[in-house]
Amino acid sequence: MANTVQARKRARQSEKRRQHNAALRSAARSAVKKVRKAIAAGDKAAATRIFSEAMAVLDRVADKKVIHKNHAARQKSRLAARVRALA
């Protein structure tokens, strides 16, 4: 365990930040899963609407550096291609 006041405070802050980042990462994963589910259902209108919401979530999480910006861009690109492929 941390011995100094400063180290104890850093431990508290780190744990709080870890939980916040985990929540943001989970929200991003859930958004991607929702789009994949809509694509699997074959509903292009719903998939397009949910995809735009997911893009916003991924951008927000990437801006906060919880996930890398290239990771977010790759996920958005792949999802966009799958939504476009629906006909």
PDB file of N, CA and C in Angstrom:
ATOM      1  N   MET A   1       0.846  -1.192   0.000  1.00  0.00           N
ATOM      2  CA  MET A   1       0.000   0.000   0.000  1.00  0.00           C
ATOM      3  C   MET A   1       0.883   1.243   0.000  1.00  0.00           C
ATOM      4  N   ALA A   2       0.328   2.328  -0.518  1.00  0.00           N
ATOM      5  CA  ALA A   2       1.057   3.587  -0.589  1.00  0.00           C
ATOM      6  C   ALA A   2       1.327   4.117   0.819  1.00  0.00           C
ATOM      7  N   ASN A   3       2.509   4.665   1.014  1.00  0.00           N
ATOM      8  CA  ASN A   3       2.914   5.120   2.347  1.00  0.00           C
ATOM      9  C   ASN A   3       2.693   6.608   2.571  1.00  0.00           C
ATOM     10  N   THR A   4       2.914   7.418   1.545  1.00  0.00           N
ATOM     11  CA  THR A   4       2.802   8.864   1.737  1.00  0.00           C
ATOM     12  C   THR A   4       1.405   9.346   1.370  1.00  0.00           C
ATOM     13  N   VAL A   5       1.089  10.533   1.849  1.00  0.00           N
ATOM     14  CA  VAL A   5      -0.211  11.145   1.544  1.00  0.00           C
ATOM     15  C   VAL A   5      -0.354  11.318   0.038  1.00  0.00           C
ATOM     16  N   GLN A   6       0.716  11.775  -0.598  1.00  0.00           N
ATOM     17  CA  GLN A   6       0.691  12.004  -2.045  1.00  0.00           C
ATOM     18  C   GLN A   6       0.452  10.695  -2.793  1.00  0.00           C
ATOM     19  N   ALA A   7       1.120   9.622  -2.371  1.00  0.00           N
ATOM     20  CA  ALA A   7       0.971   8.327  -3.042  1.00  0.00           C
ATOM     21  C   ALA A   7      -0.432   7.769  -2.850  1.00  0.00           C
ATOM     22  N   ARG A   8      -0.998   7.983  -1.650  1.00  0.00           N
ATOM     23  CA  ARG A   8      -2.377   7.513  -1.407  1.00  0.00           C
ATOM     24  C   ARG A   8      -3.363   8.269  -2.298  1.00  0.00           C
ATOM     25  N   LYS A   9      -3.146   9.566  -2.437  1.00  0.00           N
ATOM     26  CA  LYS A   9      -4.016  10.375  -3.297  1.00  0.00           C
ATOM     27  C   LYS A   9      -3.894   9.920  -4.748  1.00  0.00           C
ATOM     28  N   ARG A  10      -2.661   9.673  -5.215  1.00  0.00           N
ATOM     29  CA  ARG A  10      -2.460   9.215  -6.598  1.00  0.00           C
ATOM     30  C   ARG A  10      -3.163   7.874  -6.816  1.00  0.00           C
ATOM     31  N   ALA A  11      -3.126   7.001  -5.809  1.00  0.00           N
ATOM     32  CA  ALA A  11      -3.796   5.701  -5.925  1.00  0.00           C
ATOM     33  C   ALA A  11      -5.305   5.887  -6.047  1.00  0.00           C
ATOM     34  N   ARG A  12      -5.849   6.816  -5.249  1.00  0.00           N
ATOM     35  CA  ARG A  12      -7.293   7.095  -5.329  1.00  0.00           C
ATOM     36  C   ARG A  12      -7.658   7.640  -6.706  1.00  0.00           C
ATOM     37  N   GLN A  13      -6.856   8.592  -7.189  1.00  0.00           N
ATOM     38  CA  GLN A  13      -7.135   9.203  -8.489  1.00  0.00           C
ATOM     39  C   GLN A  13      -7.012   8.189  -9.615  1.00  0.00           C
ATOM     40  N   SER A  14      -6.016   7.334  -9.523  1.00  0.00           N
ATOM     41  CA  SER A  14      -5.807   6.320 -10.564  1.00  0.00           C
ATOM     42  C   SER A  14      -6.987   5.360 -10.641  1.00  0.00           C
ATOM     43  N   GLU A  15      -7.478   4.941  -9.490  1.00  0.00           N
ATOM     44  CA  GLU A  15      -8.609   4.011  -9.467  1.00  0.00           C
ATOM     45  C   GLU A  15      -9.863   4.669 -10.039  1.00  0.00           C
ATOM     46  N   LYS A  16     -10.094   5.926  -9.668  1.00  0.00           N
ATOM     47  CA  LYS A  16     -11.259   6.658 -10.172  1.00  0.00           C
ATOM     48  C   LYS A  16     -11.177   6.807 -11.694  1.00  0.00           C
ATOM     49  N   ARG A  17      -9.982   7.149 -12.198  1.00  0.00           N
ATOM     50  CA  ARG A  17      -9.769   7.314 -13.630  1.00  0.00           C
ATOM     51  C   ARG A  17      -9.933   5.988 -14.362  1.00  0.00           C
ATOM     52  N   ARG A  18      -9.418   4.892 -13.747  1.00  0.00           N
ATOM     53  CA  ARG A  18      -9.534   3.571 -14.358  1.00  0.00           C
ATOM     54  C   ARG A  18     -10.995   3.181 -14.539  1.00  0.00           C
ATOM     55  N   GLN A  19     -11.810   3.434 -13.503  1.00  0.00           N
ATOM     56  CA  GLN A  19     -13.228   3.097 -13.593  1.00  0.00           C
ATOM     57  C   GLN A  19     -13.944   3.951 -14.645  1.00  0.00           C
ATOM     58  N   HIS A  20     -13.593   5.228 -14.720  1.00  0.00           N
ATOM     59  CA  HIS A  20     -14.204   6.119 -15.709  1.00  0.00           C
ATOM     60  C   HIS A  20     -13.839   5.687 -17.125  1.00  0.00           C
ATOM     61  N   ASN A  21     -12.553   5.373 -17.333  1.00  0.00           N
ATOM     62  CA  ASN A  21     -12.106   4.922 -18.651  1.00  0.00           C
ATOM     63  C   ASN A  21     -12.755   3.603 -19.033  1.00  0.00           C
ATOM     64  N   ALA A  22     -12.930   2.707 -18.053  1.00  0.00           N
ATOM     65  CA  ALA A  22     -13.571   1.416 -18.321  1.00  0.00           C
ATOM     66  C   ALA A  22     -15.014   1.621 -18.769  1.00  0.00           C
ATOM     67  N   ALA A  23     -15.705   2.576 -18.157  1.00  0.00           N
ATOM     68  CA  ALA A  23     -17.087   2.870 -18.536  1.00  0.00           C
ATOM     69  C   ALA A  23     -17.156   3.411 -19.961  1.00  0.00           C
ATOM     70  N   LEU A  24     -16.221   4.305 -20.306  1.00  0.00           N
ATOM     71  CA  LEU A  24     -16.196   4.869 -21.658  1.00  0.00           C
ATOM     72  C   LEU A  24     -15.882   3.783 -22.694  1.00  0.00           C
ATOM     73  N   ARG A  25     -14.913   2.918 -22.374  1.00  0.00           N
ATOM     74  CA  ARG A  25     -14.534   1.830 -23.285  1.00  0.00           C
ATOM     75  C   ARG A  25     -15.718   0.884 -23.494  1.00  0.00           C
ATOM     76  N   SER A  26     -16.438   0.603 -22.410  1.00  0.00           N
ATOM     77  CA  SER A  26     -17.609  -0.270 -22.485  1.00  0.00           C
ATOM     78  C   SER A  26     -18.701   0.357 -23.353  1.00  0.00           C
ATOM     79  N   ALA A  27     -18.899   1.661 -23.223  1.00  0.00           N
ATOM     80  CA  ALA A  27     -19.909   2.366 -24.032  1.00  0.00           C
ATOM     81  C   ALA A  27     -19.554   2.277 -25.510  1.00  0.00           C
ATOM     82  N   ALA A  28     -18.271   2.402 -25.821  1.00  0.00           N
ATOM     83  CA  ALA A  28     -17.832   2.318 -27.216  1.00  0.00           C
ATOM     84  C   ALA A  28     -18.083   0.912 -27.766  1.00  0.00           C
ATOM     85  N   ARG A  29     -17.743  -0.107 -26.981  1.00  0.00           N
ATOM     86  CA  ARG A  29     -17.961  -1.489 -27.425  1.00  0.00           C
ATOM     87  C   ARG A  29     -19.444  -1.774 -27.626  1.00  0.00           C
ATOM     88  N   SER A  30     -20.270  -1.264 -26.703  1.00  0.00           N
ATOM     89  CA  SER A  30     -21.720  -1.471 -26.811  1.00  0.00           C
ATOM     90  C   SER A  30     -22.274  -0.801 -28.064  1.00  0.00           C
ATOM     91  N   ALA A  31     -21.780   0.385 -28.378  1.00  0.00           N
ATOM     92  CA  ALA A  31     -22.243   1.107 -29.566  1.00  0.00           C
ATOM     93  C   ALA A  31     -21.914   0.315 -30.823  1.00  0.00           C
ATOM     94  N   VAL A  32     -20.714  -0.256 -30.886  1.00  0.00           N
ATOM     95  CA  VAL A  32     -20.302  -1.053 -32.046  1.00  0.00           C
ATOM     96  C   VAL A  32     -21.169  -2.303 -32.155  1.00  0.00           C
ATOM     97  N   LYS A  33     -21.443  -2.942 -31.021  1.00  0.00           N
ATOM     98  CA  LYS A  33     -22.269  -4.158 -31.021  1.00  0.00           C
ATOM     99  C   LYS A  33     -23.685  -3.861 -31.515  1.00  0.00           C
ATOM    100  N   LYS A  34     -24.226  -2.688 -31.130  1.00  0.00           N
ATOM    101  CA  LYS A  34     -25.573  -2.315 -31.579  1.00  0.00           C
ATOM    102  C   LYS A  34     -25.617  -2.191 -33.101  1.00  0.00           C
ATOM    103  N   VAL A  35     -24.577  -1.594 -33.676  1.00  0.00           N
ATOM    104  CA  VAL A  35     -24.525  -1.442 -35.136  1.00  0.00           C
ATOM    105  C   VAL A  35     -24.437  -2.809 -35.790  1.00  0.00           C
ATOM    106  N   ARG A  36     -23.575  -3.676 -35.265  1.00  0.00           N
ATOM    107  CA  ARG A  36     -23.435  -5.023 -35.828  1.00  0.00           C
ATOM    108  C   ARG A  36     -24.748  -5.790 -35.759  1.00  0.00           C
ATOM    109  N   LYS A  37     -25.487  -5.609 -34.664  1.00  0.00           N
ATOM    110  CA  LYS A  37     -26.782  -6.287 -34.498  1.00  0.00           C
ATOM    111  C   LYS A  37     -27.783  -5.777 -35.535  1.00  0.00           C
ATOM    112  N   ALA A  38     -27.797  -4.464 -35.772  1.00  0.00           N
ATOM    113  CA  ALA A  38     -28.702  -3.881 -36.769  1.00  0.00           C
ATOM    114  C   ALA A  38     -28.326  -4.355 -38.170  1.00  0.00           C
ATOM    115  N   ILE A  39     -27.028  -4.480 -38.443  1.00  0.00           N
ATOM    116  CA  ILE A  39     -26.572  -4.975 -39.746  1.00  0.00           C
ATOM    117  C   ILE A  39     -27.004  -6.423 -39.930  1.00  0.00           C
ATOM    118  N   ALA A  40     -26.852  -7.212 -38.881  1.00  0.00           N
ATOM    119  CA  ALA A  40     -27.240  -8.630 -38.949  1.00  0.00           C
ATOM    120  C   ALA A  40     -28.741  -8.778 -39.187  1.00  0.00           C
ATOM    121  N   ALA A  41     -29.518  -7.847 -38.646  1.00  0.00           N
ATOM    122  CA  ALA A  41     -30.967  -7.885 -38.842  1.00  0.00           C
ATOM    123  C   ALA A  41     -31.341  -7.462 -40.259  1.00  0.00           C
ATOM    124  N   GLY A  42     -30.426  -6.795 -40.965  1.00  0.00           N
ATOM    125  CA  GLY A  42     -30.676  -6.398 -42.345  1.00  0.00           C
ATOM    126  C   GLY A  42     -31.468  -5.110 -42.492  1.00  0.00           C
ATOM    127  N   ASP A  43     -31.618  -4.356 -41.404  1.00  0.00           N
ATOM    128  CA  ASP A  43     -32.387  -3.114 -41.430  1.00  0.00           C
ATOM    129  C   ASP A  43     -31.448  -1.941 -41.712  1.00  0.00           C
ATOM    130  N   LYS A  44     -31.406  -1.508 -42.976  1.00  0.00           N
ATOM    131  CA  LYS A  44     -30.457  -0.460 -43.375  1.00  0.00           C
ATOM    132  C   LYS A  44     -30.767   0.875 -42.709  1.00  0.00           C
ATOM    133  N   ALA A  45     -32.041   1.232 -42.594  1.00  0.00           N
ATOM    134  CA  ALA A  45     -32.404   2.519 -41.983  1.00  0.00           C
ATOM    135  C   ALA A  45     -31.962   2.560 -40.525  1.00  0.00           C
ATOM    136  N   ALA A  46     -32.264   1.508 -39.788  1.00  0.00           N
ATOM    137  CA  ALA A  46     -31.869   1.455 -38.375  1.00  0.00           C
ATOM    138  C   ALA A  46     -30.354   1.399 -38.244  1.00  0.00           C
ATOM    139  N   ALA A  47     -29.711   0.621 -39.103  1.00  0.00           N
ATOM    140  CA  ALA A  47     -28.257   0.489 -39.047  1.00  0.00           C
ATOM    141  C   ALA A  47     -27.595   1.837 -39.302  1.00  0.00           C
ATOM    142  N   THR A  48     -28.114   2.599 -40.248  1.00  0.00           N
ATOM    143  CA  THR A  48     -27.554   3.909 -40.565  1.00  0.00           C
ATOM    144  C   THR A  48     -27.705   4.864 -39.383  1.00  0.00           C
ATOM    145  N   ARG A  49     -28.885   4.851 -38.768  1.00  0.00           N
ATOM    146  CA  ARG A  49     -29.142   5.736 -37.626  1.00  0.00           C
ATOM    147  C   ARG A  49     -28.244   5.360 -36.438  1.00  0.00           C
ATOM    148  N   ILE A  50     -28.174   4.079 -36.137  1.00  0.00           N
ATOM    149  CA  ILE A  50     -27.364   3.616 -35.005  1.00  0.00           C
ATOM    150  C   ILE A  50     -25.882   3.833 -35.293  1.00  0.00           C
ATOM    151  N   PHE A  51     -25.484   3.689 -36.568  1.00  0.00           N
ATOM    152  CA  PHE A  51     -24.084   3.905 -36.941  1.00  0.00           C
ATOM    153  C   PHE A  51     -23.661   5.343 -36.675  1.00  0.00           C
ATOM    154  N   SER A  52     -24.539   6.304 -36.971  1.00  0.00           N
ATOM    155  CA  SER A  52     -24.175   7.708 -36.731  1.00  0.00           C
ATOM    156  C   SER A  52     -24.003   7.973 -35.233  1.00  0.00           C
ATOM    157  N   GLU A  53     -24.818   7.323 -34.395  1.00  0.00           N
ATOM    158  CA  GLU A  53     -24.671   7.460 -32.948  1.00  0.00           C
ATOM    159  C   GLU A  53     -23.358   6.826 -32.486  1.00  0.00           C
ATOM    160  N   ALA A  54     -23.037   5.664 -33.062  1.00  0.00           N
ATOM    161  CA  ALA A  54     -21.805   4.964 -32.697  1.00  0.00           C
ATOM    162  C   ALA A  54     -20.574   5.772 -33.093  1.00  0.00           C
ATOM    163  N   MET A  55     -20.642   6.440 -34.253  1.00  0.00           N
ATOM    164  CA  MET A  55     -19.513   7.274 -34.690  1.00  0.00           C
ATOM    165  C   MET A  55     -19.238   8.361 -33.657  1.00  0.00           C
ATOM    166  N   ALA A  56     -20.287   8.972 -33.150  1.00  0.00           N
ATOM    167  CA  ALA A  56     -20.126  10.032 -32.151  1.00  0.00           C
ATOM    168  C   ALA A  56     -19.487   9.483 -30.881  1.00  0.00           C
ATOM    169  N   VAL A  57     -19.941   8.309 -30.449  1.00  0.00           N
ATOM    170  CA  VAL A  57     -19.390   7.699 -29.236  1.00  0.00           C
ATOM    171  C   VAL A  57     -17.911   7.374 -29.438  1.00  0.00           C
ATOM    172  N   LEU A  58     -17.573   6.769 -30.573  1.00  0.00           N
ATOM    173  CA  LEU A  58     -16.181   6.408 -30.845  1.00  0.00           C
ATOM    174  C   LEU A  58     -15.291   7.655 -30.910  1.00  0.00           C
ATOM    175  N   ASP A  59     -15.788   8.713 -31.537  1.00  0.00           N
ATOM    176  CA  ASP A  59     -15.010   9.955 -31.618  1.00  0.00           C
ATOM    177  C   ASP A  59     -14.771  10.552 -30.229  1.00  0.00           C
ATOM    178  N   ARG A  60     -15.820  10.544 -29.398  1.00  0.00           N
ATOM    179  CA  ARG A  60     -15.698  11.082 -28.040  1.00  0.00           C
ATOM    180  C   ARG A  60     -14.659  10.311 -27.230  1.00  0.00           C
ATOM    181  N   VAL A  61     -14.730   8.983 -27.312  1.00  0.00           N
ATOM    182  CA  VAL A  61     -13.811   8.145 -26.545  1.00  0.00           C
ATOM    183  C   VAL A  61     -12.383   8.305 -27.063  1.00  0.00           C
ATOM    184  N   ALA A  62     -12.228   8.423 -28.375  1.00  0.00           N
ATOM    185  CA  ALA A  62     -10.893   8.607 -28.949  1.00  0.00           C
ATOM    186  C   ALA A  62     -10.325   9.983 -28.588  1.00  0.00           C
ATOM    187  N   ASP A  63     -11.169  11.011 -28.551  1.00  0.00           N
ATOM    188  CA  ASP A  63     -10.716  12.349 -28.174  1.00  0.00           C
ATOM    189  C   ASP A  63     -10.182  12.380 -26.745  1.00  0.00           C
ATOM    190  N   LYS A  64     -10.768  11.537 -25.887  1.00  0.00           N
ATOM    191  CA  LYS A  64     -10.321  11.469 -24.490  1.00  0.00           C
ATOM    192  C   LYS A  64      -9.154  10.513 -24.310  1.00  0.00           C
ATOM    193  N   LYS A  65      -8.672   9.955 -25.431  1.00  0.00           N
ATOM    194  CA  LYS A  65      -7.515   9.056 -25.447  1.00  0.00           C
ATOM    195  C   LYS A  65      -7.733   7.784 -24.645  1.00  0.00           C
ATOM    196  N   VAL A  66      -9.002   7.352 -24.541  1.00  0.00           N
ATOM    197  CA  VAL A  66      -9.297   6.077 -23.893  1.00  0.00           C
ATOM    198  C   VAL A  66      -8.979   4.953 -24.880  1.00  0.00           C
ATOM    199  N   ILE A  67      -9.306   5.189 -26.161  1.00  0.00           N
ATOM    200  CA  ILE A  67      -8.859   4.288 -27.226  1.00  0.00           C
ATOM    201  C   ILE A  67      -8.063   5.136 -28.216  1.00  0.00           C
ATOM    202  N   HIS A  68      -7.218   4.503 -28.980  1.00  0.00           N
ATOM    203  CA  HIS A  68      -6.391   5.237 -29.938  1.00  0.00           C
ATOM    204  C   HIS A  68      -7.265   5.742 -31.083  1.00  0.00           C
ATOM    205  N   LYS A  69      -6.941   6.911 -31.611  1.00  0.00           N
ATOM    206  CA  LYS A  69      -7.737   7.510 -32.688  1.00  0.00           C
ATOM    207  C   LYS A  69      -7.766   6.620 -33.924  1.00  0.00           C
ATOM    208  N   ASN A  70      -6.663   5.906 -34.193  1.00  0.00           N
ATOM    209  CA  ASN A  70      -6.642   5.014 -35.355  1.00  0.00           C
ATOM    210  C   ASN A  70      -7.543   3.800 -35.140  1.00  0.00           C
ATOM    211  N   HIS A  71      -7.646   3.354 -33.915  1.00  0.00           N
ATOM    212  CA  HIS A  71      -8.538   2.236 -33.584  1.00  0.00           C
ATOM    213  C   HIS A  71      -9.989   2.645 -33.854  1.00  0.00           C
ATOM    214  N   ALA A  72     -10.348   3.853 -33.409  1.00  0.00           N
ATOM    215  CA  ALA A  72     -11.700   4.368 -33.640  1.00  0.00           C
ATOM    216  C   ALA A  72     -11.952   4.531 -35.135  1.00  0.00           C
ATOM    217  N   ALA A  73     -10.972   5.063 -35.856  1.00  0.00           N
ATOM    218  CA  ALA A  73     -11.122   5.271 -37.296  1.00  0.00           C
ATOM    219  C   ALA A  73     -11.297   3.939 -38.018  1.00  0.00           C
ATOM    220  N   ARG A  74     -10.544   2.931 -37.595  1.00  0.00           N
ATOM    221  CA  ARG A  74     -10.632   1.606 -38.229  1.00  0.00           C
ATOM    222  C   ARG A  74     -12.010   0.992 -37.993  1.00  0.00           C
ATOM    223  N   GLN A  75     -12.502   1.104 -36.761  1.00  0.00           N
ATOM    224  CA  GLN A  75     -13.829   0.557 -36.458  1.00  0.00           C
ATOM    225  C   GLN A  75     -14.916   1.273 -37.250  1.00  0.00           C
ATOM    226  N   LYS A  76     -14.816   2.608 -37.327  1.00  0.00           N
ATOM    227  CA  LYS A  76     -15.814   3.376 -38.077  1.00  0.00           C
ATOM    228  C   LYS A  76     -15.781   3.003 -39.551  1.00  0.00           C
ATOM    229  N   SER A  77     -14.594   2.840 -40.099  1.00  0.00           N
ATOM    230  CA  SER A  77     -14.451   2.500 -41.512  1.00  0.00           C
ATOM    231  C   SER A  77     -15.070   1.135 -41.809  1.00  0.00           C
ATOM    232  N   ARG A  78     -14.760   0.165 -40.973  1.00  0.00           N
ATOM    233  CA  ARG A  78     -15.285  -1.193 -41.190  1.00  0.00           C
ATOM    234  C   ARG A  78     -16.808  -1.231 -41.054  1.00  0.00           C
ATOM    235  N   LEU A  79     -17.324  -0.521 -40.049  1.00  0.00           N
ATOM    236  CA  LEU A  79     -18.780  -0.496 -39.865  1.00  0.00           C
ATOM    237  C   LEU A  79     -19.451   0.225 -41.033  1.00  0.00           C
ATOM    238  N   ALA A  80     -18.848   1.325 -41.504  1.00  0.00           N
ATOM    239  CA  ALA A  80     -19.414   2.069 -42.617  1.00  0.00           C
ATOM    240  C   ALA A  80     -19.493   1.197 -43.865  1.00  0.00           C
ATOM    241  N   ALA A  81     -18.450   0.413 -44.108  1.00  0.00           N
ATOM    242  CA  ALA A  81     -18.443  -0.469 -45.267  1.00  0.00           C
ATOM    243  C   ALA A  81     -19.552  -1.511 -45.175  1.00  0.00           C
ATOM    244  N   ARG A  82     -19.750  -2.033 -43.967  1.00  0.00           N
ATOM    245  CA  ARG A  82     -20.801  -3.048 -43.793  1.00  0.00           C
ATOM    246  C   ARG A  82     -22.199  -2.442 -43.907  1.00  0.00           C
ATOM    247  N   VAL A  83     -22.365  -1.205 -43.444  1.00  0.00           N
ATOM    248  CA  VAL A  83     -23.675  -0.537 -43.569  1.00  0.00           C
ATOM    249  C   VAL A  83     -23.949  -0.233 -45.038  1.00  0.00           C
ATOM    250  N   ARG A  84     -22.920   0.248 -45.766  1.00  0.00           N
ATOM    251  CA  ARG A  84     -23.080   0.526 -47.201  1.00  0.00           C
ATOM    252  C   ARG A  84     -23.422  -0.731 -47.988  1.00  0.00           C
ATOM    253  N   ALA A  85     -22.871  -1.871 -47.553  1.00  0.00           N
ATOM    254  CA  ALA A  85     -23.082  -3.131 -48.279  1.00  0.00           C
ATOM    255  C   ALA A  85     -24.523  -3.628 -48.164  1.00  0.00           C
ATOM    256  N   LEU A  86     -25.249  -3.140 -47.156  1.00  0.00           N
ATOM    257  CA  LEU A  86     -26.662  -3.554 -47.022  1.00  0.00           C
ATOM    258  C   LEU A  86     -27.462  -3.026 -48.223  1.00  0.00           C
ATOM    259  N   ALA A  87     -28.314  -3.865 -48.769  1.00  0.00           N
ATOM    260  CA  ALA A  87     -29.106  -3.405 -49.914  1.00  0.00           C
ATOM    261  C   ALA A  87     -30.496  -3.880 -49.876  1.00  0.00           C
TER     262      ALA A  87
END
